[in-house]
Amino acid sequence: MKLVLLRCTNCARPLTPENDDVVFMCTNCFTSVSLNEGGLQSVDVRFALPPKSDARTKHWLPFWVYEGQVQILKRDTQGRSDREASDRQWAQPLLMYVPAWEMSMQVAQEVGSRLIEHQPATEAIERPPTAYMTPAVVTPEEALGLLEFIVLAIEARRRDWLKALDFRIETGQPELWTLPAGSF
């Protein structure tokens, strides 16, 4: 068992993460810190430019964002096939958004699907002075499993009756982004 001193890697103030937090912010200097088997380390978190109506948002939610592509290997249906729509959806690389805060599977599926299907423009900005990120409780490895669930949910919502689906997801390294709550 390894004991880790929970002090900010930047200002050395004590940190008080919850049991499931994997990335969280220091409440003193707002440094983003990752807690894993190797201990504490600073981590780069990108803040996305909010819509103008959300410019003063204080509450920001974390997402693991992968650049990736989905390849549908097999898609069986009980009736007419929506394969053309499926092929169009996954024809080019996309940004794959995986919610990383504590939420239900239904919320993860709904939010992740919406962002993957609509591909919002993400422009990185400096952390707004009032912005505070909700801690991330999903690791990048867990996010890949959740991403499979999100892709399956997107395919299951098509107008045909999906019977069987086999697909492969190819992704690059994830980045942790935060989006203003309510902007998606």
N, C-alpha and C. Protein backbone atom coordinates (compact mmCIF):
# COMPACT_ATOMS: atom_id res chain seq x y z
N MET A 1 0.84 -1.17 0.00
CA MET A 1 0.00 0.00 0.00
C MET A 1 0.89 1.23 0.00
N LYS A 2 0.56 2.18 -0.87
CA LYS A 2 1.34 3.40 -0.96
C LYS A 2 0.51 4.54 -0.38
N LEU A 3 1.08 5.30 0.53
CA LEU A 3 0.42 6.47 1.07
C LEU A 3 0.83 7.68 0.25
N VAL A 4 -0.14 8.51 -0.10
CA VAL A 4 0.12 9.68 -0.92
C VAL A 4 -0.28 10.91 -0.13
N LEU A 5 0.62 11.87 -0.03
CA LEU A 5 0.33 13.13 0.61
C LEU A 5 -0.55 13.94 -0.34
N LEU A 6 -1.74 14.27 0.08
CA LEU A 6 -2.68 14.96 -0.80
C LEU A 6 -2.52 16.47 -0.66
N ARG A 7 -1.50 16.97 -1.34
CA ARG A 7 -1.24 18.41 -1.39
C ARG A 7 -1.14 18.81 -2.86
N CYS A 8 -1.62 19.99 -3.15
CA CYS A 8 -1.59 20.50 -4.52
C CYS A 8 -0.16 20.49 -5.05
N THR A 9 -0.02 20.06 -6.29
CA THR A 9 1.31 19.99 -6.92
C THR A 9 1.85 21.38 -7.24
N ASN A 10 0.99 22.41 -7.17
CA ASN A 10 1.40 23.77 -7.49
C ASN A 10 1.60 24.62 -6.24
N CYS A 11 0.58 24.67 -5.35
CA CYS A 11 0.64 25.58 -4.20
C CYS A 11 0.84 24.87 -2.87
N ALA A 12 0.84 23.54 -2.86
CA ALA A 12 1.07 22.72 -1.67
C ALA A 12 -0.05 22.78 -0.64
N ARG A 13 -1.18 23.36 -0.98
CA ARG A 13 -2.33 23.36 -0.07
C ARG A 13 -2.91 21.96 0.02
N PRO A 14 -3.48 21.58 1.16
CA PRO A 14 -4.12 20.27 1.28
C PRO A 14 -5.29 20.12 0.31
N LEU A 15 -5.42 18.93 -0.27
CA LEU A 15 -6.52 18.62 -1.18
C LEU A 15 -7.47 17.66 -0.49
N THR A 16 -8.75 17.78 -0.81
CA THR A 16 -9.75 16.91 -0.19
C THR A 16 -10.64 16.27 -1.24
N PRO A 17 -10.08 15.40 -2.07
CA PRO A 17 -10.91 14.76 -3.09
C PRO A 17 -11.86 13.74 -2.45
N GLU A 18 -12.96 13.48 -3.17
CA GLU A 18 -13.87 12.41 -2.76
C GLU A 18 -13.22 11.08 -3.15
N ASN A 19 -13.76 9.98 -2.67
CA ASN A 19 -13.17 8.65 -2.92
C ASN A 19 -13.04 8.31 -4.39
N ASP A 20 -13.99 8.71 -5.24
CA ASP A 20 -13.98 8.32 -6.65
C ASP A 20 -13.31 9.33 -7.58
N ASP A 21 -12.89 10.48 -7.07
CA ASP A 21 -12.32 11.52 -7.93
C ASP A 21 -11.00 11.06 -8.54
N VAL A 22 -10.88 11.23 -9.87
CA VAL A 22 -9.62 10.91 -10.54
C VAL A 22 -8.92 12.16 -11.06
N VAL A 23 -9.69 13.22 -11.38
CA VAL A 23 -9.14 14.52 -11.75
C VAL A 23 -10.01 15.57 -11.07
N PHE A 24 -9.37 16.50 -10.38
CA PHE A 24 -10.10 17.53 -9.65
C PHE A 24 -9.24 18.78 -9.58
N MET A 25 -9.85 19.89 -9.14
CA MET A 25 -9.14 21.17 -9.08
C MET A 25 -8.80 21.53 -7.65
N CYS A 26 -7.65 22.13 -7.47
CA CYS A 26 -7.28 22.72 -6.19
C CYS A 26 -8.19 23.93 -5.98
N THR A 27 -8.81 24.02 -4.82
CA THR A 27 -9.72 25.14 -4.55
C THR A 27 -8.97 26.44 -4.26
N ASN A 28 -7.65 26.36 -4.10
CA ASN A 28 -6.86 27.56 -3.83
C ASN A 28 -6.31 28.18 -5.12
N CYS A 29 -5.59 27.37 -5.92
CA CYS A 29 -4.92 27.93 -7.12
C CYS A 29 -5.54 27.45 -8.43
N PHE A 30 -6.53 26.55 -8.35
CA PHE A 30 -7.26 26.02 -9.51
C PHE A 30 -6.41 25.16 -10.43
N THR A 31 -5.32 24.61 -9.92
CA THR A 31 -4.53 23.65 -10.67
C THR A 31 -5.34 22.35 -10.78
N SER A 32 -5.37 21.75 -11.95
CA SER A 32 -6.04 20.46 -12.12
C SER A 32 -5.05 19.36 -11.78
N VAL A 33 -5.51 18.42 -10.94
CA VAL A 33 -4.64 17.38 -10.41
C VAL A 33 -5.27 16.02 -10.68
N SER A 34 -4.44 15.08 -11.09
CA SER A 34 -4.86 13.70 -11.31
C SER A 34 -4.34 12.85 -10.16
N LEU A 35 -5.21 11.97 -9.66
CA LEU A 35 -4.83 11.04 -8.61
C LEU A 35 -4.93 9.63 -9.17
N ASN A 36 -3.79 8.93 -9.21
CA ASN A 36 -3.76 7.55 -9.72
C ASN A 36 -2.73 6.75 -8.94
N GLU A 37 -2.44 5.52 -9.41
CA GLU A 37 -1.49 4.66 -8.70
C GLU A 37 -0.12 5.31 -8.53
N GLY A 38 0.25 6.18 -9.44
CA GLY A 38 1.55 6.85 -9.37
C GLY A 38 1.57 8.02 -8.42
N GLY A 39 0.42 8.38 -7.86
CA GLY A 39 0.32 9.51 -6.95
C GLY A 39 -0.40 10.68 -7.58
N LEU A 40 -0.03 11.86 -7.15
CA LEU A 40 -0.64 13.10 -7.67
C LEU A 40 0.23 13.69 -8.77
N GLN A 41 -0.41 14.23 -9.79
CA GLN A 41 0.32 14.96 -10.81
C GLN A 41 -0.59 15.98 -11.46
N SER A 42 -0.01 17.10 -11.85
CA SER A 42 -0.78 18.12 -12.56
C SER A 42 -1.21 17.55 -13.90
N VAL A 43 -2.38 17.96 -14.35
CA VAL A 43 -2.90 17.48 -15.62
C VAL A 43 -3.48 18.67 -16.38
N ASP A 44 -3.31 18.64 -17.69
CA ASP A 44 -3.81 19.71 -18.54
C ASP A 44 -5.31 19.50 -18.77
N VAL A 45 -6.09 20.48 -18.42
CA VAL A 45 -7.54 20.47 -18.66
C VAL A 45 -7.85 21.65 -19.55
N ARG A 46 -8.57 21.40 -20.63
CA ARG A 46 -8.92 22.47 -21.56
C ARG A 46 -10.34 22.95 -21.29
N PHE A 47 -10.50 24.23 -21.26
CA PHE A 47 -11.82 24.84 -21.11
C PHE A 47 -12.29 25.24 -22.50
N ALA A 48 -13.51 24.84 -22.86
CA ALA A 48 -14.05 25.14 -24.18
C ALA A 48 -14.74 26.49 -24.17
N LEU A 49 -14.58 27.22 -25.24
CA LEU A 49 -15.23 28.52 -25.39
C LEU A 49 -16.74 28.32 -25.28
N PRO A 50 -17.38 28.97 -24.30
CA PRO A 50 -18.82 28.77 -24.15
C PRO A 50 -19.62 29.62 -25.14
N PRO A 51 -20.85 29.20 -25.39
CA PRO A 51 -21.73 30.09 -26.16
C PRO A 51 -21.85 31.42 -25.41
N LYS A 52 -22.11 32.48 -26.11
CA LYS A 52 -22.15 33.81 -25.49
C LYS A 52 -23.08 33.87 -24.28
N SER A 53 -24.17 33.14 -24.33
CA SER A 53 -25.11 33.17 -23.22
C SER A 53 -24.54 32.52 -21.96
N ASP A 54 -23.48 31.72 -22.10
CA ASP A 54 -22.88 31.03 -20.96
C ASP A 54 -21.54 31.63 -20.56
N ALA A 55 -21.25 32.85 -20.97
CA ALA A 55 -19.92 33.43 -20.77
C ALA A 55 -19.52 33.53 -19.30
N ARG A 56 -20.47 33.64 -18.37
CA ARG A 56 -20.11 33.77 -16.96
C ARG A 56 -20.43 32.50 -16.17
N THR A 57 -20.58 31.39 -16.84
CA THR A 57 -20.88 30.13 -16.17
C THR A 57 -19.79 29.79 -15.16
N LYS A 58 -20.22 29.37 -13.98
CA LYS A 58 -19.27 28.99 -12.94
C LYS A 58 -19.07 27.48 -12.90
N HIS A 59 -20.05 26.73 -13.34
CA HIS A 59 -20.06 25.27 -13.21
C HIS A 59 -19.67 24.63 -14.55
N TRP A 60 -18.54 23.94 -14.59
CA TRP A 60 -18.03 23.32 -15.81
C TRP A 60 -17.95 21.82 -15.60
N LEU A 61 -18.28 21.05 -16.62
CA LEU A 61 -18.31 19.59 -16.53
C LEU A 61 -17.21 18.96 -17.38
N PRO A 62 -16.54 17.92 -16.86
CA PRO A 62 -15.42 17.30 -17.57
C PRO A 62 -15.87 16.23 -18.58
N PHE A 63 -15.15 16.16 -19.69
CA PHE A 63 -15.36 15.15 -20.73
C PHE A 63 -14.00 14.64 -21.18
N TRP A 64 -13.88 13.33 -21.35
CA TRP A 64 -12.72 12.79 -22.06
C TRP A 64 -13.08 12.90 -23.53
N VAL A 65 -12.23 13.53 -24.31
CA VAL A 65 -12.49 13.74 -25.74
C VAL A 65 -11.40 13.00 -26.52
N TYR A 66 -11.87 12.11 -27.38
CA TYR A 66 -10.99 11.32 -28.23
C TYR A 66 -11.24 11.73 -29.68
N GLU A 67 -10.19 11.84 -30.47
CA GLU A 67 -10.39 11.92 -31.91
C GLU A 67 -10.38 10.48 -32.38
N GLY A 68 -11.43 10.10 -33.10
CA GLY A 68 -11.50 8.70 -33.48
C GLY A 68 -12.47 8.44 -34.60
N GLN A 69 -12.55 7.18 -34.95
CA GLN A 69 -13.44 6.74 -36.02
C GLN A 69 -14.06 5.41 -35.63
N VAL A 70 -15.31 5.26 -36.04
CA VAL A 70 -16.05 4.02 -35.80
C VAL A 70 -16.19 3.30 -37.12
N GLN A 71 -15.90 2.01 -37.10
CA GLN A 71 -16.09 1.19 -38.30
C GLN A 71 -17.15 0.14 -37.97
N ILE A 72 -18.25 0.19 -38.71
CA ILE A 72 -19.32 -0.80 -38.53
C ILE A 72 -18.93 -2.04 -39.32
N LEU A 73 -18.72 -3.14 -38.64
CA LEU A 73 -18.32 -4.38 -39.29
C LEU A 73 -19.53 -5.21 -39.71
N LYS A 74 -20.58 -5.20 -38.89
CA LYS A 74 -21.79 -5.97 -39.18
C LYS A 74 -22.96 -5.26 -38.54
N ARG A 75 -24.06 -5.11 -39.30
CA ARG A 75 -25.27 -4.46 -38.79
C ARG A 75 -26.47 -5.21 -39.31
N ASP A 76 -27.07 -6.06 -38.47
CA ASP A 76 -28.25 -6.84 -38.85
C ASP A 76 -29.49 -6.19 -38.25
N THR A 77 -30.55 -6.16 -39.06
CA THR A 77 -31.80 -5.56 -38.60
C THR A 77 -32.97 -6.50 -38.87
N GLN A 78 -34.11 -6.19 -38.26
CA GLN A 78 -35.34 -6.94 -38.48
C GLN A 78 -36.26 -6.11 -39.36
N GLY A 79 -35.94 -5.97 -40.58
CA GLY A 79 -36.72 -5.13 -41.49
C GLY A 79 -35.80 -4.29 -42.34
N ARG A 80 -36.29 -3.13 -42.74
CA ARG A 80 -35.48 -2.28 -43.62
C ARG A 80 -34.25 -1.81 -42.87
N SER A 81 -33.17 -1.64 -43.58
CA SER A 81 -31.90 -1.27 -42.97
C SER A 81 -31.66 0.23 -43.09
N ASP A 82 -31.08 0.79 -42.07
CA ASP A 82 -30.68 2.18 -42.06
C ASP A 82 -29.15 2.27 -42.18
N ARG A 83 -28.58 1.33 -42.90
CA ARG A 83 -27.12 1.22 -43.02
C ARG A 83 -26.50 2.46 -43.65
N GLU A 84 -27.20 3.07 -44.63
CA GLU A 84 -26.64 4.27 -45.28
C GLU A 84 -26.46 5.39 -44.26
N ALA A 85 -27.46 5.60 -43.39
CA ALA A 85 -27.35 6.64 -42.37
C ALA A 85 -26.21 6.32 -41.40
N SER A 86 -26.08 5.07 -41.06
CA SER A 86 -25.01 4.63 -40.17
C SER A 86 -23.65 4.89 -40.82
N ASP A 87 -23.51 4.52 -42.08
CA ASP A 87 -22.24 4.73 -42.79
C ASP A 87 -21.90 6.22 -42.90
N ARG A 88 -22.93 7.06 -43.17
CA ARG A 88 -22.69 8.51 -43.24
C ARG A 88 -22.22 9.06 -41.89
N GLN A 89 -22.85 8.58 -40.82
CA GLN A 89 -22.50 9.05 -39.47
C GLN A 89 -21.02 8.82 -39.16
N TRP A 90 -20.52 7.65 -39.54
CA TRP A 90 -19.17 7.26 -39.14
C TRP A 90 -18.15 7.34 -40.27
N ALA A 91 -18.47 8.01 -41.38
CA ALA A 91 -17.60 8.04 -42.56
C ALA A 91 -16.26 8.73 -42.33
N GLN A 92 -16.22 9.69 -41.44
CA GLN A 92 -14.99 10.44 -41.22
C GLN A 92 -14.65 10.44 -39.73
N PRO A 93 -13.41 10.76 -39.41
CA PRO A 93 -13.04 10.85 -37.99
C PRO A 93 -13.89 11.93 -37.29
N LEU A 94 -14.22 11.67 -36.05
CA LEU A 94 -15.04 12.58 -35.25
C LEU A 94 -14.39 12.82 -33.90
N LEU A 95 -14.84 13.86 -33.22
CA LEU A 95 -14.49 14.01 -31.82
C LEU A 95 -15.51 13.21 -31.02
N MET A 96 -15.02 12.32 -30.19
CA MET A 96 -15.87 11.45 -29.38
C MET A 96 -15.86 11.99 -27.95
N TYR A 97 -17.01 12.49 -27.50
CA TYR A 97 -17.15 13.08 -26.18
C TYR A 97 -17.69 12.05 -25.20
N VAL A 98 -16.97 11.84 -24.11
CA VAL A 98 -17.41 10.89 -23.09
C VAL A 98 -17.51 11.64 -21.76
N PRO A 99 -18.73 11.80 -21.23
CA PRO A 99 -18.88 12.49 -19.94
C PRO A 99 -18.04 11.80 -18.86
N ALA A 100 -17.40 12.61 -18.01
CA ALA A 100 -16.48 12.04 -17.02
C ALA A 100 -16.87 12.35 -15.57
N TRP A 101 -17.97 13.05 -15.37
CA TRP A 101 -18.39 13.34 -13.99
C TRP A 101 -19.34 12.23 -13.53
N GLU A 102 -19.71 12.27 -12.26
CA GLU A 102 -20.60 11.25 -11.72
C GLU A 102 -22.01 11.48 -12.27
N MET A 103 -22.53 10.46 -12.98
CA MET A 103 -23.84 10.56 -13.61
C MET A 103 -24.39 9.16 -13.83
N SER A 104 -25.66 9.09 -14.20
CA SER A 104 -26.25 7.79 -14.53
C SER A 104 -25.82 7.38 -15.93
N MET A 105 -25.97 6.10 -16.24
CA MET A 105 -25.65 5.61 -17.59
C MET A 105 -26.55 6.28 -18.62
N GLN A 106 -27.81 6.53 -18.27
CA GLN A 106 -28.73 7.17 -19.20
C GLN A 106 -28.26 8.58 -19.55
N VAL A 107 -27.83 9.35 -18.57
CA VAL A 107 -27.32 10.70 -18.82
C VAL A 107 -26.05 10.63 -19.66
N ALA A 108 -25.15 9.71 -19.35
CA ALA A 108 -23.91 9.55 -20.12
C ALA A 108 -24.24 9.25 -21.58
N GLN A 109 -25.17 8.36 -21.81
CA GLN A 109 -25.57 7.99 -23.17
C GLN A 109 -26.20 9.17 -23.89
N GLU A 110 -27.10 9.89 -23.23
CA GLU A 110 -27.79 11.01 -23.87
C GLU A 110 -26.84 12.15 -24.21
N VAL A 111 -26.02 12.55 -23.24
CA VAL A 111 -25.10 13.67 -23.45
C VAL A 111 -24.01 13.29 -24.44
N GLY A 112 -23.39 12.12 -24.27
CA GLY A 112 -22.34 11.68 -25.19
C GLY A 112 -22.86 11.54 -26.61
N SER A 113 -24.04 10.95 -26.78
CA SER A 113 -24.63 10.80 -28.12
C SER A 113 -24.87 12.15 -28.77
N ARG A 114 -25.46 13.07 -28.01
CA ARG A 114 -25.79 14.39 -28.56
C ARG A 114 -24.53 15.11 -29.05
N LEU A 115 -23.47 15.05 -28.27
CA LEU A 115 -22.24 15.75 -28.66
C LEU A 115 -21.54 15.07 -29.83
N ILE A 116 -21.56 13.75 -29.88
CA ILE A 116 -20.94 13.04 -31.00
C ILE A 116 -21.73 13.30 -32.28
N GLU A 117 -23.04 13.29 -32.20
CA GLU A 117 -23.87 13.48 -33.39
C GLU A 117 -23.83 14.92 -33.90
N HIS A 118 -23.67 15.90 -33.01
CA HIS A 118 -23.74 17.31 -33.44
C HIS A 118 -22.39 18.00 -33.51
N GLN A 119 -21.32 17.37 -33.03
CA GLN A 119 -19.95 17.87 -33.15
C GLN A 119 -19.83 19.38 -32.90
N PRO A 120 -20.00 19.81 -31.65
CA PRO A 120 -19.87 21.24 -31.36
C PRO A 120 -18.45 21.72 -31.61
N ALA A 121 -18.33 22.98 -31.99
CA ALA A 121 -17.00 23.57 -32.17
C ALA A 121 -16.37 23.72 -30.79
N THR A 122 -15.15 23.23 -30.63
CA THR A 122 -14.46 23.36 -29.35
C THR A 122 -13.20 24.16 -29.56
N GLU A 123 -13.22 25.35 -29.02
CA GLU A 123 -12.05 26.22 -29.06
C GLU A 123 -11.58 26.40 -27.63
N ALA A 124 -10.33 26.10 -27.38
CA ALA A 124 -9.80 26.20 -26.02
C ALA A 124 -9.60 27.66 -25.63
N ILE A 125 -9.94 27.94 -24.36
CA ILE A 125 -9.75 29.28 -23.80
C ILE A 125 -9.02 29.14 -22.46
N GLU A 126 -8.53 30.23 -21.94
CA GLU A 126 -7.99 30.23 -20.58
C GLU A 126 -9.14 29.97 -19.63
N ARG A 127 -8.84 29.35 -18.49
CA ARG A 127 -9.89 29.11 -17.52
C ARG A 127 -10.48 30.44 -17.08
N PRO A 128 -11.81 30.60 -17.25
CA PRO A 128 -12.44 31.83 -16.77
C PRO A 128 -12.23 31.97 -15.26
N PRO A 129 -12.09 33.18 -14.76
CA PRO A 129 -11.78 33.39 -13.34
C PRO A 129 -12.79 32.74 -12.39
N THR A 130 -14.04 32.65 -12.79
CA THR A 130 -15.06 32.09 -11.89
C THR A 130 -15.34 30.61 -12.16
N ALA A 131 -14.64 30.01 -13.11
CA ALA A 131 -14.94 28.63 -13.51
C ALA A 131 -14.38 27.62 -12.53
N TYR A 132 -15.21 26.66 -12.18
CA TYR A 132 -14.78 25.55 -11.33
C TYR A 132 -15.25 24.24 -11.98
N MET A 133 -14.32 23.32 -12.17
CA MET A 133 -14.63 22.05 -12.83
C MET A 133 -15.14 21.04 -11.81
N THR A 134 -16.27 20.42 -12.14
CA THR A 134 -16.75 19.29 -11.36
C THR A 134 -15.69 18.19 -11.49
N PRO A 135 -15.36 17.50 -10.41
CA PRO A 135 -14.33 16.46 -10.52
C PRO A 135 -14.69 15.35 -11.51
N ALA A 136 -13.69 14.85 -12.19
CA ALA A 136 -13.86 13.70 -13.09
C ALA A 136 -13.73 12.44 -12.25
N VAL A 137 -14.69 11.51 -12.43
CA VAL A 137 -14.65 10.24 -11.71
C VAL A 137 -14.45 9.07 -12.66
N VAL A 138 -14.42 9.36 -13.96
CA VAL A 138 -14.23 8.33 -14.99
C VAL A 138 -12.80 8.43 -15.49
N THR A 139 -12.08 7.30 -15.48
CA THR A 139 -10.72 7.27 -15.99
C THR A 139 -10.76 7.19 -17.52
N PRO A 140 -9.66 7.51 -18.20
CA PRO A 140 -9.64 7.37 -19.66
C PRO A 140 -9.94 5.93 -20.11
N GLU A 141 -9.50 4.94 -19.35
CA GLU A 141 -9.75 3.54 -19.70
C GLU A 141 -11.23 3.21 -19.57
N GLU A 142 -11.85 3.68 -18.50
CA GLU A 142 -13.30 3.48 -18.32
C GLU A 142 -14.09 4.22 -19.39
N ALA A 143 -13.57 5.37 -19.81
CA ALA A 143 -14.25 6.17 -20.83
C ALA A 143 -14.35 5.42 -22.15
N LEU A 144 -13.34 4.61 -22.48
CA LEU A 144 -13.41 3.83 -23.73
C LEU A 144 -14.57 2.83 -23.68
N GLY A 145 -14.79 2.20 -22.54
CA GLY A 145 -15.92 1.29 -22.40
C GLY A 145 -17.24 2.04 -22.50
N LEU A 146 -17.29 3.22 -21.90
CA LEU A 146 -18.50 4.04 -21.97
C LEU A 146 -18.73 4.52 -23.40
N LEU A 147 -17.66 4.79 -24.13
CA LEU A 147 -17.78 5.21 -25.53
C LEU A 147 -18.43 4.10 -26.36
N GLU A 148 -18.08 2.84 -26.12
CA GLU A 148 -18.73 1.74 -26.83
C GLU A 148 -20.23 1.74 -26.56
N PHE A 149 -20.62 1.96 -25.33
CA PHE A 149 -22.03 2.03 -24.97
C PHE A 149 -22.73 3.18 -25.71
N ILE A 150 -22.07 4.33 -25.81
CA ILE A 150 -22.64 5.49 -26.49
C ILE A 150 -22.83 5.20 -27.98
N VAL A 151 -21.82 4.60 -28.62
CA VAL A 151 -21.94 4.25 -30.05
C VAL A 151 -23.08 3.26 -30.26
N LEU A 152 -23.17 2.26 -29.40
CA LEU A 152 -24.26 1.29 -29.49
C LEU A 152 -25.62 1.98 -29.34
N ALA A 153 -25.73 2.94 -28.43
CA ALA A 153 -26.98 3.67 -28.23
C ALA A 153 -27.34 4.49 -29.47
N ILE A 154 -26.35 5.11 -30.10
CA ILE A 154 -26.61 5.88 -31.33
C ILE A 154 -27.17 4.96 -32.41
N GLU A 155 -26.54 3.82 -32.58
CA GLU A 155 -26.99 2.86 -33.60
C GLU A 155 -28.37 2.27 -33.26
N ALA A 156 -28.63 2.02 -32.00
CA ALA A 156 -29.92 1.42 -31.59
C ALA A 156 -31.08 2.39 -31.80
N ARG A 157 -30.82 3.69 -31.82
CA ARG A 157 -31.90 4.67 -32.02
C ARG A 157 -32.29 4.86 -33.47
N ARG A 158 -31.60 4.26 -34.39
CA ARG A 158 -31.97 4.42 -35.80
C ARG A 158 -33.35 3.82 -36.04
N ARG A 159 -33.98 4.17 -37.15
CA ARG A 159 -35.38 3.80 -37.40
C ARG A 159 -35.60 2.34 -37.76
N ASP A 160 -34.55 1.60 -38.02
CA ASP A 160 -34.74 0.17 -38.26
C ASP A 160 -34.68 -0.57 -36.92
N TRP A 161 -34.98 -1.80 -36.92
CA TRP A 161 -34.97 -2.58 -35.68
C TRP A 161 -33.65 -3.33 -35.62
N LEU A 162 -32.70 -2.77 -34.90
CA LEU A 162 -31.37 -3.35 -34.80
C LEU A 162 -31.44 -4.69 -34.08
N LYS A 163 -30.86 -5.70 -34.71
CA LYS A 163 -30.84 -7.05 -34.14
C LYS A 163 -29.44 -7.42 -33.65
N ALA A 164 -28.43 -7.07 -34.43
CA ALA A 164 -27.04 -7.38 -34.06
C ALA A 164 -26.12 -6.29 -34.62
N LEU A 165 -25.08 -6.00 -33.87
CA LEU A 165 -24.14 -4.97 -34.29
C LEU A 165 -22.74 -5.38 -33.87
N ASP A 166 -21.81 -5.26 -34.80
CA ASP A 166 -20.39 -5.49 -34.51
C ASP A 166 -19.65 -4.28 -35.06
N PHE A 167 -18.85 -3.64 -34.22
CA PHE A 167 -18.14 -2.44 -34.65
C PHE A 167 -16.79 -2.36 -33.94
N ARG A 168 -15.95 -1.50 -34.49
CA ARG A 168 -14.63 -1.26 -33.91
C ARG A 168 -14.45 0.26 -33.80
N ILE A 169 -13.87 0.68 -32.69
CA ILE A 169 -13.57 2.10 -32.48
C ILE A 169 -12.05 2.26 -32.44
N GLU A 170 -11.55 3.17 -33.24
CA GLU A 170 -10.13 3.51 -33.22
C GLU A 170 -10.01 4.94 -32.72
N THR A 171 -9.21 5.14 -31.68
CA THR A 171 -9.08 6.48 -31.10
C THR A 171 -7.62 6.84 -30.88
N GLY A 172 -7.40 8.13 -30.77
CA GLY A 172 -6.10 8.63 -30.34
C GLY A 172 -6.11 8.76 -28.82
N GLN A 173 -5.12 9.46 -28.29
CA GLN A 173 -5.04 9.69 -26.85
C GLN A 173 -6.13 10.69 -26.43
N PRO A 174 -6.73 10.46 -25.27
CA PRO A 174 -7.79 11.39 -24.84
C PRO A 174 -7.23 12.69 -24.27
N GLU A 175 -8.03 13.73 -24.36
CA GLU A 175 -7.75 15.00 -23.71
C GLU A 175 -8.93 15.27 -22.78
N LEU A 176 -8.66 15.90 -21.66
CA LEU A 176 -9.73 16.25 -20.74
C LEU A 176 -10.17 17.68 -21.04
N TRP A 177 -11.43 17.81 -21.44
CA TRP A 177 -12.03 19.10 -21.75
C TRP A 177 -13.13 19.36 -20.74
N THR A 178 -13.41 20.62 -20.50
CA THR A 178 -14.58 20.99 -19.70
C THR A 178 -15.46 21.88 -20.55
N LEU A 179 -16.76 21.65 -20.41
CA LEU A 179 -17.77 22.45 -21.10
C LEU A 179 -18.67 23.07 -20.05
N PRO A 180 -19.16 24.28 -20.32
CA PRO A 180 -20.05 24.90 -19.34
C PRO A 180 -21.32 24.07 -19.18
N ALA A 181 -21.72 23.85 -17.94
CA ALA A 181 -22.95 23.09 -17.69
C ALA A 181 -24.11 23.78 -18.39
N GLY A 182 -24.95 22.99 -19.00
CA GLY A 182 -26.12 23.53 -19.70
C GLY A 182 -25.87 23.98 -21.12
N SER A 183 -24.63 23.86 -21.62
CA SER A 183 -24.33 24.34 -22.97
C SER A 183 -24.44 23.23 -24.01
N PHE A 184 -24.83 22.04 -23.59
CA PHE A 184 -24.92 20.92 -24.52
C PHE A 184 -26.26 20.30 -24.35
